[in-house]
Amino acid sequence: MLQRTLTRSLLFLGFAALCACDQLPGKPKEADRWKSPEAIKNFVDLYNTHCLACHSNGKTVAASIAMNNPVYLSILSKEVLHKVISEGISGTTMPGFSKANGGDLTDEQINILVDRITAWGKHEATTDLPPYSAPLGDAQRGAAVFAQYCANCHGKDGAGGKAGSVVDGTYLSLVTDQYLRSVVIAGRPELGMPNYRETVPETPMNPDQIANVVAWLVSHRPTSPHEEKAPATDTAIIQPTHSNQQ
């Protein structure tokens, strides 16, 4: 009888100990437990993991245009942003993040990124904005636009002044035509670069001037690492890509 009672007592204590496992020291909190990549639905976690290093959050300086730039977000459609995140940009360091393109993000996660990123730009005026993309303009006319709007910081030949060179072949080989257009329009305020409305007070660039100065910049891009830069003529202009380096 005593043996049976002792056995039942031990079984009861063992059951009670198992029930109390969640209270044991060292057990991770629910928020700290491992989750599969597909289970992450928090925007901050997704952005910090996949976007922050290259695109900043307004609190840091990164290699490419900041994703919270209000002017940039005012000209960038959700469809284009979704395509860029999903497919990446060929020839640049921007990878495709969708599973179909070798990444690890689901369509739901990409939609979370797109919705929250575009929400950053809701307070920017959306009237009289230049289009996000357009064909390159006239490179020779672009030289005059550069002299008026850009030379004060980048030097009369673009080789550098108060700001760095924008005709360096290595730099131009790393960025797309669309990226150049995007930064001309939206600026890089985190680097002190004004947008198209701020460069010359009360004299914003018009769409033709933007297309022309981008063409002038593109005309300095080497066609290959071992060739001289292309001359600034219409025949040397490379047509813009559909998306930008984000």
Protein backbone atom coordinates (compact mmCIF):
# COMPACT_ATOMS: atom_id res chain seq x y z
CA MET A 1 0.00 0.00 0.00
CA LEU A 2 2.80 2.39 0.92
CA GLN A 3 4.65 1.55 -2.31
CA ARG A 4 1.52 2.30 -4.38
CA THR A 5 1.02 5.64 -2.63
CA LEU A 6 4.68 6.59 -3.20
CA THR A 7 4.44 5.68 -6.89
CA ARG A 8 1.31 7.79 -7.37
CA SER A 9 2.96 10.71 -5.59
CA LEU A 10 6.01 10.53 -7.85
CA LEU A 11 3.83 10.35 -10.95
CA PHE A 12 1.85 13.39 -9.79
CA LEU A 13 5.05 15.38 -9.11
CA GLY A 14 6.44 14.41 -12.53
CA PHE A 15 3.24 15.53 -14.26
CA ALA A 16 3.27 18.82 -12.34
CA ALA A 17 6.90 19.42 -13.36
CA LEU A 18 6.05 18.86 -17.03
CA CYS A 19 3.17 21.33 -16.82
CA ALA A 20 5.53 23.94 -15.37
CA CYS A 21 8.10 23.66 -18.20
CA ASP A 22 7.08 27.03 -19.64
CA GLN A 23 8.25 28.65 -16.42
CA LEU A 24 11.71 27.10 -16.40
CA PRO A 25 14.70 29.51 -16.47
CA GLY A 26 16.30 29.98 -19.91
CA LYS A 27 13.19 29.21 -21.94
CA PRO A 28 12.98 31.81 -24.78
CA LYS A 29 10.04 34.17 -25.01
CA GLU A 30 7.61 33.65 -27.85
CA ALA A 31 8.98 36.73 -29.68
CA ASP A 32 12.52 35.34 -29.46
CA ARG A 33 11.77 31.89 -30.81
CA TRP A 34 12.93 30.90 -34.28
CA LYS A 35 10.45 31.48 -37.08
CA SER A 36 10.60 30.26 -40.61
CA PRO A 37 11.30 33.05 -43.12
CA GLU A 38 7.76 32.72 -44.53
CA ALA A 39 6.26 33.38 -41.09
CA ILE A 40 7.76 36.86 -40.72
CA LYS A 41 5.01 39.42 -41.38
CA ASN A 42 6.36 42.41 -39.44
CA PHE A 43 7.32 45.28 -41.78
CA VAL A 44 10.23 46.51 -39.66
CA ASP A 45 11.77 43.04 -39.54
CA LEU A 46 11.32 42.55 -43.27
CA TYR A 47 12.70 45.98 -44.15
CA ASN A 48 15.68 45.79 -41.80
CA THR A 49 16.62 42.36 -43.13
CA HIS A 50 16.19 42.97 -46.86
CA CYS A 51 16.31 46.73 -47.56
CA LEU A 52 17.96 48.79 -44.83
CA ALA A 53 21.61 48.13 -45.69
CA CYS A 54 21.30 49.66 -49.17
CA HIS A 55 18.35 52.03 -48.85
CA SER A 56 18.40 53.50 -45.35
CA ASN A 57 15.37 54.45 -43.27
CA GLY A 58 16.04 58.16 -43.00
CA LYS A 59 18.27 57.70 -39.97
CA THR A 60 21.34 56.33 -41.75
CA VAL A 61 23.23 56.96 -44.98
CA ALA A 62 23.27 54.08 -47.44
CA ALA A 63 24.62 53.39 -50.91
CA SER A 64 21.38 53.91 -52.83
CA ILE A 65 18.41 56.25 -52.67
CA ALA A 66 16.53 56.24 -49.35
CA MET A 67 13.19 54.51 -49.50
CA ASN A 68 11.53 57.18 -47.36
CA ASN A 69 12.38 59.98 -49.82
CA PRO A 70 8.96 61.66 -50.28
CA VAL A 71 9.59 63.01 -53.78
CA TYR A 72 10.85 59.64 -54.97
CA LEU A 73 7.82 57.86 -53.54
CA SER A 74 5.51 60.37 -55.22
CA ILE A 75 6.74 59.40 -58.69
CA LEU A 76 7.21 55.69 -58.01
CA SER A 77 4.14 53.51 -58.53
CA LYS A 78 3.33 50.48 -56.42
CA GLU A 79 3.52 48.32 -59.52
CA VAL A 80 7.09 49.37 -60.31
CA LEU A 81 8.18 49.01 -56.67
CA HIS A 82 6.66 45.52 -56.50
CA LYS A 83 8.41 44.51 -59.73
CA VAL A 84 11.79 45.77 -58.52
CA ILE A 85 11.56 44.05 -55.13
CA SER A 86 10.35 40.85 -56.74
CA GLU A 87 12.64 40.65 -59.77
CA GLY A 88 15.60 42.85 -58.86
CA ILE A 89 17.51 44.86 -61.47
CA SER A 90 19.73 43.05 -63.93
CA GLY A 91 23.32 44.25 -64.04
CA THR A 92 23.21 45.86 -60.60
CA THR A 93 23.59 44.70 -57.01
CA MET A 94 19.81 44.83 -56.52
CA PRO A 95 18.68 41.17 -56.26
CA GLY A 96 15.24 39.73 -56.81
CA PHE A 97 13.68 38.83 -53.47
CA SER A 98 10.73 36.72 -54.61
CA LYS A 99 10.95 32.96 -54.40
CA ALA A 100 10.42 32.79 -58.16
CA ASN A 101 13.61 34.80 -58.62
CA GLY A 102 15.80 32.98 -56.13
CA GLY A 103 14.87 35.02 -53.07
CA ASP A 104 13.09 34.04 -49.88
CA LEU A 105 10.08 36.39 -49.80
CA THR A 106 6.50 35.35 -50.45
CA ASP A 107 4.08 37.53 -52.41
CA GLU A 108 2.40 38.46 -49.12
CA GLN A 109 5.69 39.66 -47.65
CA ILE A 110 6.52 41.69 -50.76
CA ASN A 111 3.07 43.30 -50.58
CA ILE A 112 3.72 44.22 -46.94
CA LEU A 113 6.97 45.95 -47.97
CA VAL A 114 5.33 47.75 -50.90
CA ASP A 115 2.35 49.00 -48.88
CA ARG A 116 4.39 50.32 -45.97
CA ILE A 117 7.15 51.87 -48.09
CA THR A 118 4.69 53.74 -50.31
CA ALA A 119 2.85 54.97 -47.21
CA TRP A 120 5.97 56.98 -46.31
CA GLY A 121 5.34 59.27 -49.28
CA LYS A 122 1.67 60.06 -48.80
CA HIS A 123 2.22 63.61 -47.54
CA GLU A 124 4.15 64.83 -50.58
CA ALA A 125 2.31 66.98 -53.14
CA THR A 126 1.63 64.96 -56.27
CA THR A 127 0.82 67.70 -58.79
CA ASP A 128 3.14 68.82 -61.58
CA LEU A 129 5.65 66.07 -60.89
CA PRO A 130 7.87 64.78 -63.71
CA PRO A 131 7.23 61.19 -64.76
CA TYR A 132 9.16 58.42 -63.07
CA SER A 133 10.63 57.18 -66.35
CA ALA A 134 11.14 58.76 -69.77
CA PRO A 135 13.42 58.35 -72.79
CA LEU A 136 16.80 60.03 -72.64
CA GLY A 137 16.93 63.53 -74.02
CA ASP A 138 19.62 65.50 -75.84
CA ALA A 139 23.04 65.08 -74.23
CA GLN A 140 24.48 68.25 -75.75
CA ARG A 141 21.61 70.34 -74.37
CA GLY A 142 22.07 68.48 -71.12
CA ALA A 143 25.53 70.02 -70.77
CA ALA A 144 23.92 73.46 -70.43
CA VAL A 145 21.40 72.09 -67.92
CA PHE A 146 24.23 70.60 -65.88
CA ALA A 147 26.08 73.93 -65.89
CA GLN A 148 22.99 75.70 -64.58
CA TYR A 149 21.76 73.22 -61.99
CA CYS A 150 24.59 70.91 -61.01
CA ALA A 151 28.04 72.42 -61.62
CA ASN A 152 27.97 74.48 -58.44
CA CYS A 153 28.41 71.29 -56.41
CA HIS A 154 29.84 68.78 -58.87
CA GLY A 155 32.24 71.04 -60.80
CA LYS A 156 31.87 72.51 -64.26
CA ASP A 157 32.86 69.23 -65.92
CA GLY A 158 31.12 66.99 -63.39
CA ALA A 159 34.45 65.68 -62.09
CA GLY A 160 33.84 66.94 -58.56
CA GLY A 161 33.65 70.09 -56.52
CA LYS A 162 31.94 70.50 -53.17
CA ALA A 163 30.35 67.14 -54.00
CA GLY A 164 31.87 64.14 -55.74
CA SER A 165 32.29 63.29 -59.39
CA VAL A 166 29.19 62.29 -61.34
CA VAL A 167 31.10 61.40 -64.50
CA ASP A 168 33.37 58.79 -62.96
CA GLY A 169 33.24 55.72 -65.18
CA THR A 170 33.16 53.26 -62.30
CA TYR A 171 30.21 55.03 -60.69
CA LEU A 172 28.30 55.26 -63.95
CA SER A 173 28.90 51.58 -64.64
CA LEU A 174 27.29 50.68 -61.32
CA VAL A 175 24.07 52.66 -61.77
CA THR A 176 21.28 52.49 -64.31
CA ASP A 177 19.89 55.31 -66.39
CA GLN A 178 16.74 55.16 -64.29
CA TYR A 179 18.71 55.54 -61.07
CA LEU A 180 20.36 58.70 -62.44
CA ARG A 181 16.95 60.05 -63.39
CA SER A 182 15.53 59.18 -59.98
CA VAL A 183 18.24 61.02 -58.05
CA VAL A 184 18.07 64.05 -60.36
CA ILE A 185 14.35 64.27 -59.60
CA ALA A 186 14.24 63.23 -55.95
CA GLY A 187 17.71 64.23 -54.77
CA ARG A 188 19.62 62.55 -51.97
CA PRO A 189 18.76 64.80 -48.99
CA GLU A 190 20.66 62.53 -46.61
CA LEU A 191 23.80 63.46 -48.62
CA GLY A 192 22.88 67.12 -49.00
CA MET A 193 21.75 66.75 -52.63
CA PRO A 194 18.63 68.82 -53.40
CA ASN A 195 15.77 67.60 -55.56
CA TYR A 196 14.83 69.00 -58.96
CA ARG A 197 12.77 71.83 -57.40
CA GLU A 198 15.41 72.99 -54.94
CA THR A 199 18.65 73.19 -56.93
CA VAL A 200 17.96 76.67 -58.29
CA PRO A 201 15.50 78.63 -56.11
CA GLU A 202 12.12 79.19 -57.78
CA THR A 203 13.38 77.57 -60.99
CA PRO A 204 12.60 73.85 -60.93
CA MET A 205 13.86 71.67 -63.74
CA ASN A 206 11.24 70.89 -66.35
CA PRO A 207 10.83 67.36 -67.81
CA ASP A 208 12.92 68.15 -70.89
CA GLN A 209 15.78 69.48 -68.79
CA ILE A 210 15.69 66.37 -66.60
CA ALA A 211 15.81 64.08 -69.64
CA ASN A 212 18.63 66.11 -71.17
CA VAL A 213 20.88 66.22 -68.11
CA VAL A 214 20.41 62.49 -67.54
CA ALA A 215 21.43 61.92 -71.18
CA TRP A 216 24.55 64.04 -70.58
CA LEU A 217 25.46 61.94 -67.55
CA VAL A 218 24.86 58.69 -69.41
CA SER A 219 27.07 59.88 -72.29
CA HIS A 220 30.06 59.67 -69.92
CA ARG A 221 29.53 55.99 -69.12
CA PRO A 222 32.19 53.70 -70.61
CA THR A 223 30.70 51.13 -72.95
CA SER A 224 33.09 48.57 -71.40
CA PRO A 225 35.72 48.73 -68.63
CA HIS A 226 38.49 48.92 -71.28
CA GLU A 227 36.98 51.49 -73.63
CA GLU A 228 37.05 55.26 -73.57
CA LYS A 229 33.88 57.07 -72.58
CA ALA A 230 31.31 57.54 -75.32
CA PRO A 231 31.05 61.01 -76.89
CA ALA A 232 28.05 63.14 -75.97
CA THR A 233 26.06 62.58 -79.14
CA ASP A 234 22.64 61.15 -79.76
CA THR A 235 24.12 57.99 -81.28
CA ALA A 236 25.94 57.24 -78.02
CA ILE A 237 22.89 57.50 -75.80
CA ILE A 238 21.89 54.29 -74.08
CA GLN A 239 18.15 53.90 -73.68
CA PRO A 240 16.92 53.86 -70.06
CA THR A 241 16.11 50.66 -68.24
CA HIS A 242 12.60 50.09 -66.94
CA SER A 243 13.50 50.14 -63.25
CA ASN A 244 15.96 51.81 -60.94
CA GLN A 245 18.75 50.79 -58.59
CA GLN A 246 16.97 50.69 -55.18
